[in-house]
Amino acid sequence: MEPIFNRHGRTIGWLYNGVIYDRKNCYRAFIRDNNIFTFDAQHLGIIYKGIVRDKRGLCIAFMDAASSDPMLPIPGITPAPPILAIPPTIPIPNIPSQVSLASSYWNPLKWEAFLDG
């Protein structure tokens, strides 16, 4: 189980077996071929080199294995991982449009709003 951090280095969620969970132990999204989708198969963005990016390529979150571009904060102390809820069957999503990987800017959107689509 890998923690997911926001632009301030705070733990905002978890990644486990290709499923993204929020801090309230709710499954919120899944990853298929580095693309992030809601469980309604709505494309949210991508995860590339440990950095979560929105559809415009702006950074929204990162993980421990992230590269240092953009300049990433030092993650805070990670809380104990939650007991995970079992997600439903993962749907088959449509092929998403291309997402730029070039931006080193952070999206000001909150993590929960990003996951809401």
C-alpha atoms as a PDB file:
ATOM      1  CA  MET A   1       0.000   0.000   0.000  1.00  0.00           C
ATOM      2  CA  GLU A   2       1.509   3.295  -1.092  1.00  0.00           C
ATOM      3  CA  PRO A   3       0.611   6.688   0.375  1.00  0.00           C
ATOM      4  CA  ILE A   4      -0.388   9.531  -1.937  1.00  0.00           C
ATOM      5  CA  PHE A   5       0.676  13.066  -0.979  1.00  0.00           C
ATOM      6  CA  ASN A   6      -0.637  16.513  -1.906  1.00  0.00           C
ATOM      7  CA  ARG A   7       1.526  19.491  -2.889  1.00  0.00           C
ATOM      8  CA  HIS A   8       2.153  20.222   0.802  1.00  0.00           C
ATOM      9  CA  GLY A   9       3.452  16.713   1.546  1.00  0.00           C
ATOM     10  CA  ARG A  10       0.347  15.607   3.486  1.00  0.00           C
ATOM     11  CA  THR A  11      -1.027  12.092   3.023  1.00  0.00           C
ATOM     12  CA  ILE A  12      -4.311  12.387   1.135  1.00  0.00           C
ATOM     13  CA  GLY A  13      -4.922   8.821   0.008  1.00  0.00           C
ATOM     14  CA  TRP A  14      -3.568   5.385  -0.723  1.00  0.00           C
ATOM     15  CA  LEU A  15      -2.839   3.271  -3.789  1.00  0.00           C
ATOM     16  CA  TYR A  16      -3.328  -0.467  -3.461  1.00  0.00           C
ATOM     17  CA  ASN A  17      -3.581  -3.019  -6.284  1.00  0.00           C
ATOM     18  CA  GLY A  18      -4.365  -0.331  -8.836  1.00  0.00           C
ATOM     19  CA  VAL A  19      -7.157   1.228  -6.749  1.00  0.00           C
ATOM     20  CA  ILE A  20      -6.992   4.716  -5.215  1.00  0.00           C
ATOM     21  CA  TYR A  21      -8.540   5.098  -1.763  1.00  0.00           C
ATOM     22  CA  ASP A  22      -9.211   8.337   0.081  1.00  0.00           C
ATOM     23  CA  ARG A  23      -8.407   8.964   3.758  1.00  0.00           C
ATOM     24  CA  LYS A  24     -11.902   7.770   4.711  1.00  0.00           C
ATOM     25  CA  ASN A  25     -11.231   4.251   3.403  1.00  0.00           C
ATOM     26  CA  CYS A  26     -13.445   4.745   0.329  1.00  0.00           C
ATOM     27  CA  TYR A  27     -12.311   3.478  -3.051  1.00  0.00           C
ATOM     28  CA  ARG A  28     -12.465   6.441  -5.415  1.00  0.00           C
ATOM     29  CA  ALA A  29     -10.621   5.628  -8.629  1.00  0.00           C
ATOM     30  CA  PHE A  30      -8.607   2.973 -10.399  1.00  0.00           C
ATOM     31  CA  ILE A  31      -5.562   2.927 -12.631  1.00  0.00           C
ATOM     32  CA  ARG A  32      -5.462   1.237 -16.017  1.00  0.00           C
ATOM     33  CA  ASP A  33      -2.307   1.623 -18.163  1.00  0.00           C
ATOM     34  CA  ASN A  34      -1.202   4.663 -16.103  1.00  0.00           C
ATOM     35  CA  ASN A  35      -4.581   6.366 -16.684  1.00  0.00           C
ATOM     36  CA  ILE A  36      -6.757   7.257 -13.698  1.00  0.00           C
ATOM     37  CA  PHE A  37     -10.515   6.641 -13.948  1.00  0.00           C
ATOM     38  CA  THR A  38     -13.507   6.946 -11.621  1.00  0.00           C
ATOM     39  CA  PHE A  39     -15.559   3.805 -11.094  1.00  0.00           C
ATOM     40  CA  ASP A  40     -18.018   5.363 -13.580  1.00  0.00           C
ATOM     41  CA  ALA A  41     -15.156   5.096 -16.142  1.00  0.00           C
ATOM     42  CA  GLN A  42     -14.630   8.883 -16.314  1.00  0.00           C
ATOM     43  CA  HIS A  43     -11.019   9.740 -17.187  1.00  0.00           C
ATOM     44  CA  LEU A  44      -9.402  11.960 -14.529  1.00  0.00           C
ATOM     45  CA  GLY A  45      -5.756  12.084 -15.549  1.00  0.00           C
ATOM     46  CA  ILE A  46      -2.614   9.972 -15.424  1.00  0.00           C
ATOM     47  CA  ILE A  47       0.042   8.767 -13.058  1.00  0.00           C
ATOM     48  CA  TYR A  48       3.544   8.951 -14.486  1.00  0.00           C
ATOM     49  CA  LYS A  49       6.810   8.464 -12.629  1.00  0.00           C
ATOM     50  CA  GLY A  50       4.927   8.659  -9.327  1.00  0.00           C
ATOM     51  CA  ILE A  51       3.224  11.986 -10.097  1.00  0.00           C
ATOM     52  CA  VAL A  52      -0.549  12.241 -10.503  1.00  0.00           C
ATOM     53  CA  ARG A  53      -1.497  14.719 -13.234  1.00  0.00           C
ATOM     54  CA  ASP A  54      -4.883  16.054 -14.300  1.00  0.00           C
ATOM     55  CA  LYS A  55      -6.054  15.983 -17.922  1.00  0.00           C
ATOM     56  CA  ARG A  56      -4.216  19.256 -18.640  1.00  0.00           C
ATOM     57  CA  GLY A  57      -0.945  17.803 -17.323  1.00  0.00           C
ATOM     58  CA  LEU A  58      -0.909  19.825 -14.091  1.00  0.00           C
ATOM     59  CA  CYS A  59       0.398  18.058 -10.994  1.00  0.00           C
ATOM     60  CA  ILE A  60      -2.250  17.128  -8.451  1.00  0.00           C
ATOM     61  CA  ALA A  61      -0.458  14.648  -6.137  1.00  0.00           C
ATOM     62  CA  PHE A  62       2.637  12.473  -5.847  1.00  0.00           C
ATOM     63  CA  MET A  63       3.928   9.256  -4.319  1.00  0.00           C
ATOM     64  CA  ASP A  64       7.195   8.222  -2.686  1.00  0.00           C
ATOM     65  CA  ALA A  65       8.651   6.985  -5.986  1.00  0.00           C
ATOM     66  CA  ALA A  66       8.044  10.323  -7.742  1.00  0.00           C
ATOM     67  CA  SER A  67      10.759  12.051  -9.693  1.00  0.00           C
ATOM     68  CA  SER A  68      11.875  15.450  -8.400  1.00  0.00           C
ATOM     69  CA  ASP A  69      10.383  17.473 -11.255  1.00  0.00           C
ATOM     70  CA  PRO A  70       8.410  19.500 -10.302  1.00  0.00           C
ATOM     71  CA  MET A  71      10.106  20.403  -7.052  1.00  0.00           C
ATOM     72  CA  LEU A  72       8.316  18.147  -4.575  1.00  0.00           C
ATOM     73  CA  PRO A  73       7.887  18.830  -0.859  1.00  0.00           C
ATOM     74  CA  ILE A  74       9.240  16.436   1.726  1.00  0.00           C
ATOM     75  CA  PRO A  75       6.367  14.143   2.681  1.00  0.00           C
ATOM     76  CA  GLY A  76       5.109  14.364   6.234  1.00  0.00           C
ATOM     77  CA  ILE A  77       4.764  11.411   8.565  1.00  0.00           C
ATOM     78  CA  THR A  78       2.436   8.924   6.941  1.00  0.00           C
ATOM     79  CA  PRO A  79      -0.437   7.739   9.143  1.00  0.00           C
ATOM     80  CA  ALA A  80      -1.195   4.043   9.490  1.00  0.00           C
ATOM     81  CA  PRO A  81      -2.990   2.762   6.391  1.00  0.00           C
ATOM     82  CA  PRO A  82      -6.718   2.093   6.768  1.00  0.00           C
ATOM     83  CA  ILE A  83      -8.487  -1.215   6.536  1.00  0.00           C
ATOM     84  CA  LEU A  84      -9.554  -1.134   2.919  1.00  0.00           C
ATOM     85  CA  ALA A  85     -13.050  -1.548   1.568  1.00  0.00           C
ATOM     86  CA  ILE A  86     -13.389  -4.032  -1.275  1.00  0.00           C
ATOM     87  CA  PRO A  87     -14.063  -2.134  -4.527  1.00  0.00           C
ATOM     88  CA  PRO A  88     -16.631  -3.281  -7.074  1.00  0.00           C
ATOM     89  CA  THR A  89     -15.599  -4.852 -10.352  1.00  0.00           C
ATOM     90  CA  ILE A  90     -13.476  -2.398 -12.285  1.00  0.00           C
ATOM     91  CA  PRO A  91     -15.243  -1.256 -15.466  1.00  0.00           C
ATOM     92  CA  ILE A  92     -13.646  -1.236 -18.896  1.00  0.00           C
ATOM     93  CA  PRO A  93     -12.986   2.442 -19.680  1.00  0.00           C
ATOM     94  CA  ASN A  94     -12.812   4.153 -23.066  1.00  0.00           C
ATOM     95  CA  ILE A  95      -9.412   5.104 -24.457  1.00  0.00           C
ATOM     96  CA  PRO A  96      -8.602   8.558 -23.006  1.00  0.00           C
ATOM     97  CA  SER A  97      -7.160  11.525 -24.856  1.00  0.00           C
ATOM     98  CA  GLN A  98      -3.459  12.374 -24.545  1.00  0.00           C
ATOM     99  CA  VAL A  99      -2.291  14.154 -21.397  1.00  0.00           C
ATOM    100  CA  SER A 100       0.716  16.449 -21.426  1.00  0.00           C
ATOM    101  CA  LEU A 101       3.612  15.500 -19.153  1.00  0.00           C
ATOM    102  CA  ALA A 102       5.472  18.779 -19.532  1.00  0.00           C
ATOM    103  CA  SER A 103       3.875  20.962 -16.860  1.00  0.00           C
ATOM    104  CA  SER A 104       5.719  21.526 -13.597  1.00  0.00           C
ATOM    105  CA  TYR A 105       2.818  23.570 -12.195  1.00  0.00           C
ATOM    106  CA  TRP A 106       0.430  22.382  -9.509  1.00  0.00           C
ATOM    107  CA  ASN A 107      -3.309  22.334  -9.996  1.00  0.00           C
ATOM    108  CA  PRO A 108      -4.904  24.328  -7.117  1.00  0.00           C
ATOM    109  CA  LEU A 109      -7.829  21.873  -7.101  1.00  0.00           C
ATOM    110  CA  LYS A 110      -8.282  19.847  -3.892  1.00  0.00           C
ATOM    111  CA  TRP A 111      -7.704  16.085  -4.117  1.00  0.00           C
ATOM    112  CA  GLU A 112     -11.340  15.245  -3.314  1.00  0.00           C
ATOM    113  CA  ALA A 113     -12.577  17.567  -6.077  1.00  0.00           C
ATOM    114  CA  PHE A 114     -10.145  15.948  -8.519  1.00  0.00           C
ATOM    115  CA  LEU A 115     -11.470  12.479  -7.626  1.00  0.00           C
ATOM    116  CA  ASP A 116     -15.049  13.702  -8.049  1.00  0.00           C
ATOM    117  CA  GLY A 117     -14.227  14.451 -11.686  1.00  0.00           C
END
